[in-house]
C-alpha cells in the first residue's frame, strides 16, 4: 500500500468507545445533524445532512455511531453499503478532539466482526486519501490491501487509494495481538 507512514496512532483501541447502530429516531437524526454541521465547517465539505438522510433511507446502507454509551455525545459516525457479496465503507468520521484516541479503530473492528458473520460477504472496500496518514496506518494494521487508484477522486483533485479487506478470516479482529494457533 502506498499510504505514507505515520506514527502516533494508538496501538490498542480503548474500551471507552462503543459502536451503536444508527436508527431514524428523532434523537439520532438530531445528533447526526450536529455531526454533519461539524464537518461542513472544514476546508473540504463532506455530505450534508439531507444527503445522509437519503443515504440511510436506502435498504443497503447501515449507519453507526461511536460514543462512550448509547446516550452519550457522539464522537464518530460510519456509513456502510452492504451488497450481496461485498460491503463498501462510504464514510467514517471522528470529531477532531477525539482523533488519535482509537475511536475509528473501535468502529472498524466492531463492524468487521459484524460483517464477518455474514458468510456471503467476501470483502470490505473503501477509498482513502493518501494524505490521510492516520487512516492509512489504521487500514494497514487491519490488513487492507491496495487494489487500485481513483484519479482526482476528491474535490481538491487528490487521488483516492482503493483498499480491500477480504472477509471470512478473523485475523483483522485482533490486529495488534500476537499471531498464534487458532482454536
C-alpha atoms as a PDB file:
ATOM      1  CA  UNK A   1       0.000   0.000   0.000  1.00  0.00           C
ATOM      2  CA  UNK A   2       1.352   3.414  -0.913  1.00  0.00           C
ATOM      3  CA  UNK A   3      -0.074   5.222   2.116  1.00  0.00           C
ATOM      4  CA  UNK A   4       2.574   7.377   3.746  1.00  0.00           C
ATOM      5  CA  UNK A   5       3.961   6.130   7.033  1.00  0.00           C
ATOM      6  CA  UNK A   6       2.590   7.635  10.205  1.00  0.00           C
ATOM      7  CA  UNK A   7       3.256   7.362  13.897  1.00  0.00           C
ATOM      8  CA  UNK A   8       1.271   8.251  16.964  1.00  0.00           C
ATOM      9  CA  UNK A   9      -1.758   6.053  16.283  1.00  0.00           C
ATOM     10  CA  UNK A  10      -2.764   4.139  19.393  1.00  0.00           C
ATOM     11  CA  UNK A  11      -1.674   0.506  19.352  1.00  0.00           C
ATOM     12  CA  UNK A  12      -4.875  -0.597  21.084  1.00  0.00           C
ATOM     13  CA  UNK A  13      -8.361   0.780  20.684  1.00  0.00           C
ATOM     14  CA  UNK A  14      -9.573   1.987  24.062  1.00  0.00           C
ATOM     15  CA  UNK A  15     -12.639   0.322  25.540  1.00  0.00           C
ATOM     16  CA  UNK A  16     -14.121   3.746  26.331  1.00  0.00           C
ATOM     17  CA  UNK A  17     -15.773   3.858  22.896  1.00  0.00           C
ATOM     18  CA  UNK A  18     -18.515   1.573  21.650  1.00  0.00           C
ATOM     19  CA  UNK A  19     -20.285   1.318  18.315  1.00  0.00           C
ATOM     20  CA  UNK A  20     -24.062   1.560  18.125  1.00  0.00           C
ATOM     21  CA  UNK A  21     -26.439   1.149  15.179  1.00  0.00           C
ATOM     22  CA  UNK A  22     -27.976   4.373  13.986  1.00  0.00           C
ATOM     23  CA  UNK A  23     -31.760   4.477  13.760  1.00  0.00           C
ATOM     24  CA  UNK A  24     -34.093   7.016  12.206  1.00  0.00           C
ATOM     25  CA  UNK A  25     -35.258   8.112  15.662  1.00  0.00           C
ATOM     26  CA  UNK A  26     -35.592  11.817  16.315  1.00  0.00           C
ATOM     27  CA  UNK A  27     -32.690  11.742  18.813  1.00  0.00           C
ATOM     28  CA  UNK A  28     -30.391  10.027  16.302  1.00  0.00           C
ATOM     29  CA  UNK A  29     -31.375  12.358  13.475  1.00  0.00           C
ATOM     30  CA  UNK A  30     -30.684  15.399  15.677  1.00  0.00           C
ATOM     31  CA  UNK A  31     -27.272  14.004  16.663  1.00  0.00           C
ATOM     32  CA  UNK A  32     -26.492  13.229  13.018  1.00  0.00           C
ATOM     33  CA  UNK A  33     -27.455  16.775  12.039  1.00  0.00           C
ATOM     34  CA  UNK A  34     -24.991  18.125  14.623  1.00  0.00           C
ATOM     35  CA  UNK A  35     -22.237  15.845  13.255  1.00  0.00           C
ATOM     36  CA  UNK A  36     -22.980  16.903   9.670  1.00  0.00           C
ATOM     37  CA  UNK A  37     -22.781  20.570  10.673  1.00  0.00           C
ATOM     38  CA  UNK A  38     -19.365  19.876  12.241  1.00  0.00           C
ATOM     39  CA  UNK A  39     -17.781  18.560   9.066  1.00  0.00           C
ATOM     40  CA  UNK A  40     -19.406  21.231   6.891  1.00  0.00           C
ATOM     41  CA  UNK A  41     -17.153  23.815   8.562  1.00  0.00           C
ATOM     42  CA  UNK A  42     -13.804  22.474   7.353  1.00  0.00           C
ATOM     43  CA  UNK A  43     -11.848  23.145   4.196  1.00  0.00           C
ATOM     44  CA  UNK A  44     -13.397  20.130   2.485  1.00  0.00           C
ATOM     45  CA  UNK A  45     -17.139  19.757   2.603  1.00  0.00           C
ATOM     46  CA  UNK A  46     -18.472  16.273   3.151  1.00  0.00           C
ATOM     47  CA  UNK A  47     -22.028  15.042   2.721  1.00  0.00           C
ATOM     48  CA  UNK A  48     -24.661  17.346   4.102  1.00  0.00           C
ATOM     49  CA  UNK A  49     -27.468  16.253   6.409  1.00  0.00           C
ATOM     50  CA  UNK A  50     -30.037  15.833   3.626  1.00  0.00           C
ATOM     51  CA  UNK A  51     -27.681  13.578   1.648  1.00  0.00           C
ATOM     52  CA  UNK A  52     -27.095  11.457   4.750  1.00  0.00           C
ATOM     53  CA  UNK A  53     -30.832  11.044   5.320  1.00  0.00           C
ATOM     54  CA  UNK A  54     -31.282   9.963   1.701  1.00  0.00           C
ATOM     55  CA  UNK A  55     -28.384   7.538   2.031  1.00  0.00           C
ATOM     56  CA  UNK A  56     -29.798   5.992   5.211  1.00  0.00           C
ATOM     57  CA  UNK A  57     -33.171   5.531   3.508  1.00  0.00           C
ATOM     58  CA  UNK A  58     -31.601   3.022   1.127  1.00  0.00           C
ATOM     59  CA  UNK A  59     -32.044  -0.574   2.350  1.00  0.00           C
ATOM     60  CA  UNK A  60     -28.385  -1.484   1.762  1.00  0.00           C
ATOM     61  CA  UNK A  61     -26.996   1.357   3.908  1.00  0.00           C
ATOM     62  CA  UNK A  62     -26.085   0.851   7.553  1.00  0.00           C
ATOM     63  CA  UNK A  63     -25.267   3.779   9.807  1.00  0.00           C
ATOM     64  CA  UNK A  64     -23.371   3.583  13.086  1.00  0.00           C
ATOM     65  CA  UNK A  65     -22.191   5.994  15.733  1.00  0.00           C
ATOM     66  CA  UNK A  66     -19.404   5.794  18.285  1.00  0.00           C
ATOM     67  CA  UNK A  67     -19.875   7.027  21.830  1.00  0.00           C
ATOM     68  CA  UNK A  68     -18.962   6.153  25.389  1.00  0.00           C
ATOM     69  CA  UNK A  69     -22.562   4.926  25.876  1.00  0.00           C
ATOM     70  CA  UNK A  70     -25.701   4.787  23.752  1.00  0.00           C
ATOM     71  CA  UNK A  71     -26.945   8.045  25.290  1.00  0.00           C
ATOM     72  CA  UNK A  72     -23.590   9.884  25.302  1.00  0.00           C
ATOM     73  CA  UNK A  73     -22.354  12.517  22.856  1.00  0.00           C
ATOM     74  CA  UNK A  74     -21.403  11.041  19.503  1.00  0.00           C
ATOM     75  CA  UNK A  75     -17.666  11.061  18.807  1.00  0.00           C
ATOM     76  CA  UNK A  76     -17.843   9.448  15.368  1.00  0.00           C
ATOM     77  CA  UNK A  77     -20.104   8.114  12.641  1.00  0.00           C
ATOM     78  CA  UNK A  78     -19.723   5.499   9.940  1.00  0.00           C
ATOM     79  CA  UNK A  79     -21.807   4.526   6.918  1.00  0.00           C
ATOM     80  CA  UNK A  80     -21.503   1.260   5.021  1.00  0.00           C
ATOM     81  CA  UNK A  81     -23.329  -0.112   1.988  1.00  0.00           C
ATOM     82  CA  UNK A  82     -23.738  -3.855   2.315  1.00  0.00           C
ATOM     83  CA  UNK A  83     -24.329  -5.583  -1.002  1.00  0.00           C
ATOM     84  CA  UNK A  84     -24.723  -9.197  -1.932  1.00  0.00           C
ATOM     85  CA  UNK A  85     -21.020 -10.116  -1.950  1.00  0.00           C
ATOM     86  CA  UNK A  86     -19.164  -7.032  -0.741  1.00  0.00           C
ATOM     87  CA  UNK A  87     -19.529  -4.088   1.587  1.00  0.00           C
ATOM     88  CA  UNK A  88     -18.369  -0.561   0.821  1.00  0.00           C
ATOM     89  CA  UNK A  89     -17.220   1.760   3.605  1.00  0.00           C
ATOM     90  CA  UNK A  90     -18.749   5.013   2.429  1.00  0.00           C
ATOM     91  CA  UNK A  91     -17.688   7.318   5.201  1.00  0.00           C
ATOM     92  CA  UNK A  92     -16.063   7.326   8.603  1.00  0.00           C
ATOM     93  CA  UNK A  93     -15.703  10.492  10.656  1.00  0.00           C
ATOM     94  CA  UNK A  94     -14.338  11.160  14.137  1.00  0.00           C
ATOM     95  CA  UNK A  95     -14.738  14.590  15.729  1.00  0.00           C
ATOM     96  CA  UNK A  96     -11.369  16.385  15.874  1.00  0.00           C
ATOM     97  CA  UNK A  97     -10.958  16.348  19.657  1.00  0.00           C
ATOM     98  CA  UNK A  98     -11.288  12.529  19.708  1.00  0.00           C
ATOM     99  CA  UNK A  99      -8.916  11.745  16.838  1.00  0.00           C
ATOM    100  CA  UNK A 100      -5.932   9.604  17.754  1.00  0.00           C
ATOM    101  CA  UNK A 101      -7.745   8.034  20.706  1.00  0.00           C
ATOM    102  CA  UNK A 102      -8.861   4.842  18.976  1.00  0.00           C
ATOM    103  CA  UNK A 103     -12.483   5.627  18.121  1.00  0.00           C
ATOM    104  CA  UNK A 104     -12.043   4.852  14.409  1.00  0.00           C
ATOM    105  CA  UNK A 105     -10.327   1.558  15.278  1.00  0.00           C
ATOM    106  CA  UNK A 106     -13.185   0.542  17.567  1.00  0.00           C
ATOM    107  CA  UNK A 107     -15.697   1.465  14.883  1.00  0.00           C
ATOM    108  CA  UNK A 108     -13.943  -0.514  12.170  1.00  0.00           C
ATOM    109  CA  UNK A 109     -13.138  -3.569  14.271  1.00  0.00           C
ATOM    110  CA  UNK A 110     -16.732  -3.784  15.528  1.00  0.00           C
ATOM    111  CA  UNK A 111     -18.172  -3.552  12.019  1.00  0.00           C
ATOM    112  CA  UNK A 112     -15.621  -6.032  10.679  1.00  0.00           C
ATOM    113  CA  UNK A 113     -16.677  -8.553  13.325  1.00  0.00           C
ATOM    114  CA  UNK A 114     -20.316  -7.985  12.343  1.00  0.00           C
ATOM    115  CA  UNK A 115     -19.636  -8.296   8.615  1.00  0.00           C
ATOM    116  CA  UNK A 116     -17.549 -11.410   9.186  1.00  0.00           C
ATOM    117  CA  UNK A 117     -20.678 -13.206  10.472  1.00  0.00           C
ATOM    118  CA  UNK A 118     -22.364 -12.752   7.095  1.00  0.00           C
ATOM    119  CA  UNK A 119     -20.965 -15.687   5.104  1.00  0.00           C
ATOM    120  CA  UNK A 120     -21.900 -14.340   1.662  1.00  0.00           C
ATOM    121  CA  UNK A 121     -19.749 -11.232   2.129  1.00  0.00           C
ATOM    122  CA  UNK A 122     -16.314 -11.604   0.602  1.00  0.00           C
ATOM    123  CA  UNK A 123     -14.754  -8.178   1.139  1.00  0.00           C
ATOM    124  CA  UNK A 124     -14.953  -4.673   2.534  1.00  0.00           C
ATOM    125  CA  UNK A 125     -13.817  -1.986   0.082  1.00  0.00           C
ATOM    126  CA  UNK A 126     -13.060   1.689   0.739  1.00  0.00           C
ATOM    127  CA  UNK A 127     -11.410   4.776  -0.687  1.00  0.00           C
ATOM    128  CA  UNK A 128      -8.907   6.850   1.300  1.00  0.00           C
ATOM    129  CA  UNK A 129      -6.768   9.895   0.652  1.00  0.00           C
ATOM    130  CA  UNK A 130      -3.053   9.022   0.554  1.00  0.00           C
ATOM    131  CA  UNK A 131      -2.518  12.194   2.596  1.00  0.00           C
ATOM    132  CA  UNK A 132      -4.684  10.846   5.436  1.00  0.00           C
ATOM    133  CA  UNK A 133      -1.736   9.205   7.159  1.00  0.00           C
ATOM    134  CA  UNK A 134      -3.531   8.088  10.317  1.00  0.00           C
ATOM    135  CA  UNK A 135      -6.330   6.413   8.346  1.00  0.00           C
ATOM    136  CA  UNK A 136      -3.827   4.704   6.042  1.00  0.00           C
ATOM    137  CA  UNK A 137      -1.913   3.390   9.041  1.00  0.00           C
ATOM    138  CA  UNK A 138      -5.106   2.037  10.628  1.00  0.00           C
ATOM    139  CA  UNK A 139      -6.178   0.326   7.404  1.00  0.00           C
ATOM    140  CA  UNK A 140      -2.707  -1.209   7.004  1.00  0.00           C
ATOM    141  CA  UNK A 141      -2.809  -2.514  10.552  1.00  0.00           C
ATOM    142  CA  UNK A 142      -6.201  -4.106   9.923  1.00  0.00           C
ATOM    143  CA  UNK A 143      -4.939  -5.890   6.809  1.00  0.00           C
ATOM    144  CA  UNK A 144      -6.420  -3.851   3.960  1.00  0.00           C
ATOM    145  CA  UNK A 145      -4.562  -4.136   0.645  1.00  0.00           C
ATOM    146  CA  UNK A 146      -4.355  -1.517  -2.096  1.00  0.00           C
ATOM    147  CA  UNK A 147      -6.237  -2.698  -5.179  1.00  0.00           C
ATOM    148  CA  UNK A 148      -6.414   0.477  -7.238  1.00  0.00           C
ATOM    149  CA  UNK A 149      -6.332   4.245  -7.513  1.00  0.00           C
ATOM    150  CA  UNK A 150      -9.171   6.594  -8.428  1.00  0.00           C
ATOM    151  CA  UNK A 151      -7.539   9.569 -10.141  1.00  0.00           C
ATOM    152  CA  UNK A 152      -8.644  13.038  -8.986  1.00  0.00           C
ATOM    153  CA  UNK A 153     -11.381  11.425  -6.864  1.00  0.00           C
ATOM    154  CA  UNK A 154     -11.674  14.190  -4.276  1.00  0.00           C
ATOM    155  CA  UNK A 155     -12.957  17.715  -4.875  1.00  0.00           C
ATOM    156  CA  UNK A 156      -9.479  19.216  -4.472  1.00  0.00           C
ATOM    157  CA  UNK A 157      -8.054  16.881  -7.142  1.00  0.00           C
ATOM    158  CA  UNK A 158      -6.342  14.416  -4.794  1.00  0.00           C
ATOM    159  CA  UNK A 159      -6.395  10.779  -5.883  1.00  0.00           C
ATOM    160  CA  UNK A 160      -8.030   8.087  -3.771  1.00  0.00           C
ATOM    161  CA  UNK A 161      -6.437   4.779  -2.904  1.00  0.00           C
ATOM    162  CA  UNK A 162      -8.898   1.905  -3.261  1.00  0.00           C
ATOM    163  CA  UNK A 163      -8.381  -0.605  -0.465  1.00  0.00           C
ATOM    164  CA  UNK A 164      -9.881  -4.038   0.055  1.00  0.00           C
ATOM    165  CA  UNK A 165     -10.042  -6.398   3.013  1.00  0.00           C
ATOM    166  CA  UNK A 166     -11.077  -9.989   2.458  1.00  0.00           C
ATOM    167  CA  UNK A 167     -13.688 -11.133   4.945  1.00  0.00           C
ATOM    168  CA  UNK A 168     -14.080 -14.615   6.370  1.00  0.00           C
ATOM    169  CA  UNK A 169     -10.707 -14.513   8.125  1.00  0.00           C
ATOM    170  CA  UNK A 170     -10.847 -13.240  11.695  1.00  0.00           C
ATOM    171  CA  UNK A 171      -7.180 -12.121  11.747  1.00  0.00           C
ATOM    172  CA  UNK A 172      -8.256  -8.475  11.476  1.00  0.00           C
ATOM    173  CA  UNK A 173     -10.236  -8.653  14.729  1.00  0.00           C
ATOM    174  CA  UNK A 174      -7.143  -8.628  16.908  1.00  0.00           C
ATOM    175  CA  UNK A 175      -4.851  -6.810  14.517  1.00  0.00           C
ATOM    176  CA  UNK A 176      -2.465  -5.815  17.303  1.00  0.00           C
ATOM    177  CA  UNK A 177      -2.413  -9.146  19.129  1.00  0.00           C
ATOM    178  CA  UNK A 178       0.400 -11.641  18.566  1.00  0.00           C
ATOM    179  CA  UNK A 179      -0.487 -14.287  15.998  1.00  0.00           C
ATOM    180  CA  UNK A 180      -0.786 -17.796  17.309  1.00  0.00           C
ATOM    181  CA  UNK A 181      -2.605 -21.036  16.643  1.00  0.00           C
ATOM    182  CA  UNK A 182      -6.311 -20.613  16.123  1.00  0.00           C
ATOM    183  CA  UNK A 183      -8.538 -22.644  18.374  1.00  0.00           C
END
